């Protein structure tokens, strides 16, 4: 069976623009995001037949770099994802 690229990312959650969410112990809204220049294919957690292409970002907090994918899945509704581990 061919590899499904959406399997590379697991959903963390969906929030309205700016609402708190925890990604690897931090709320990414509180930090400056750096784009990695990469894009990720992800599935909408509530509607898995919907596939979205979102940007991959990094933030550095206390010397630790946190990598995540995030994108606006619908008007002001954001999905956050982390790489499958």
Protein backbone atom coordinates (compact mmCIF):
# COMPACT_ATOMS: atom_id res chain seq x y z
CA UNK A 1 0.00 0.00 0.00
CA UNK A 2 1.43 3.46 -0.86
CA UNK A 3 2.42 5.83 1.94
CA UNK A 4 -0.27 8.38 2.85
CA UNK A 5 1.51 11.71 3.57
CA UNK A 6 -1.26 12.73 5.98
CA UNK A 7 -0.02 9.93 8.26
CA UNK A 8 3.12 11.99 8.98
CA UNK A 9 1.17 14.48 11.14
CA UNK A 10 -1.17 13.91 14.06
CA UNK A 11 -3.76 16.47 15.17
CA UNK A 12 -3.20 18.36 18.40
CA UNK A 13 -6.48 20.24 18.22
CA UNK A 14 -8.68 22.85 16.62
CA UNK A 15 -9.20 26.32 18.07
CA UNK A 16 -10.55 29.68 17.05
CA UNK A 17 -7.95 32.24 16.03
CA UNK A 18 -5.88 33.11 19.12
CA UNK A 19 -7.59 30.73 21.56
CA UNK A 20 -5.14 28.82 23.77
CA UNK A 21 -3.85 25.44 22.64
CA UNK A 22 -0.95 23.35 23.90
CA UNK A 23 1.61 21.98 21.45
CA UNK A 24 4.47 20.11 23.14
CA UNK A 25 3.93 22.06 26.36
CA UNK A 26 3.61 25.58 24.94
CA UNK A 27 0.87 27.80 23.54
CA UNK A 28 2.23 28.70 20.09
CA UNK A 29 0.10 31.85 19.88
CA UNK A 30 2.38 33.40 22.53
CA UNK A 31 5.55 33.14 20.40
CA UNK A 32 6.85 34.29 17.04
CA UNK A 33 6.50 31.51 14.48
CA UNK A 34 9.30 30.85 12.00
CA UNK A 35 8.22 29.24 8.76
CA UNK A 36 10.38 26.28 7.76
CA UNK A 37 9.36 26.73 4.13
CA UNK A 38 7.78 23.27 4.28
CA UNK A 39 4.16 22.35 3.80
CA UNK A 40 2.28 19.43 5.32
CA UNK A 41 -0.79 17.53 4.18
CA UNK A 42 -3.13 17.01 7.13
CA UNK A 43 -6.62 15.70 7.69
CA UNK A 44 -9.28 17.78 9.41
CA UNK A 45 -9.79 16.03 12.79
CA UNK A 46 -13.59 16.34 12.68
CA UNK A 47 -13.92 15.71 8.92
CA UNK A 48 -11.16 13.24 7.96
CA UNK A 49 -12.12 13.19 4.30
CA UNK A 50 -10.99 16.85 4.11
CA UNK A 51 -7.27 17.15 3.42
CA UNK A 52 -5.58 20.51 3.92
CA UNK A 53 -2.14 21.78 3.01
CA UNK A 54 -0.71 23.85 5.87
CA UNK A 55 2.63 25.45 6.73
CA UNK A 56 5.22 23.92 9.03
CA UNK A 57 6.54 26.30 11.70
CA UNK A 58 9.05 26.37 14.53
CA UNK A 59 9.28 28.34 17.75
CA UNK A 60 12.16 28.34 20.20
CA UNK A 61 11.29 28.43 23.89
CA UNK A 62 13.94 28.17 26.62
CA UNK A 63 16.45 26.79 24.13
CA UNK A 64 14.04 24.12 22.89
CA UNK A 65 12.80 24.19 19.29
CA UNK A 66 9.21 23.10 18.83
CA UNK A 67 8.10 22.14 15.34
CA UNK A 68 4.43 22.03 14.36
CA UNK A 69 2.12 22.42 11.41
CA UNK A 70 -0.77 24.87 11.57
CA UNK A 71 -3.28 26.35 9.23
CA UNK A 72 -6.66 27.99 9.00
CA UNK A 73 -9.05 25.12 8.21
CA UNK A 74 -12.05 27.42 7.87
CA UNK A 75 -12.72 31.07 8.62
CA UNK A 76 -10.86 31.84 11.92
CA UNK A 77 -10.70 28.12 12.82
CA UNK A 78 -7.13 26.81 13.11
CA UNK A 79 -5.85 23.27 13.18
CA UNK A 80 -2.56 22.42 14.91
CA UNK A 81 -0.57 19.25 14.24
CA UNK A 82 2.69 17.67 15.32
CA UNK A 83 4.85 15.19 13.50
CA UNK A 84 4.00 11.58 14.17
CA UNK A 85 6.47 10.06 16.60
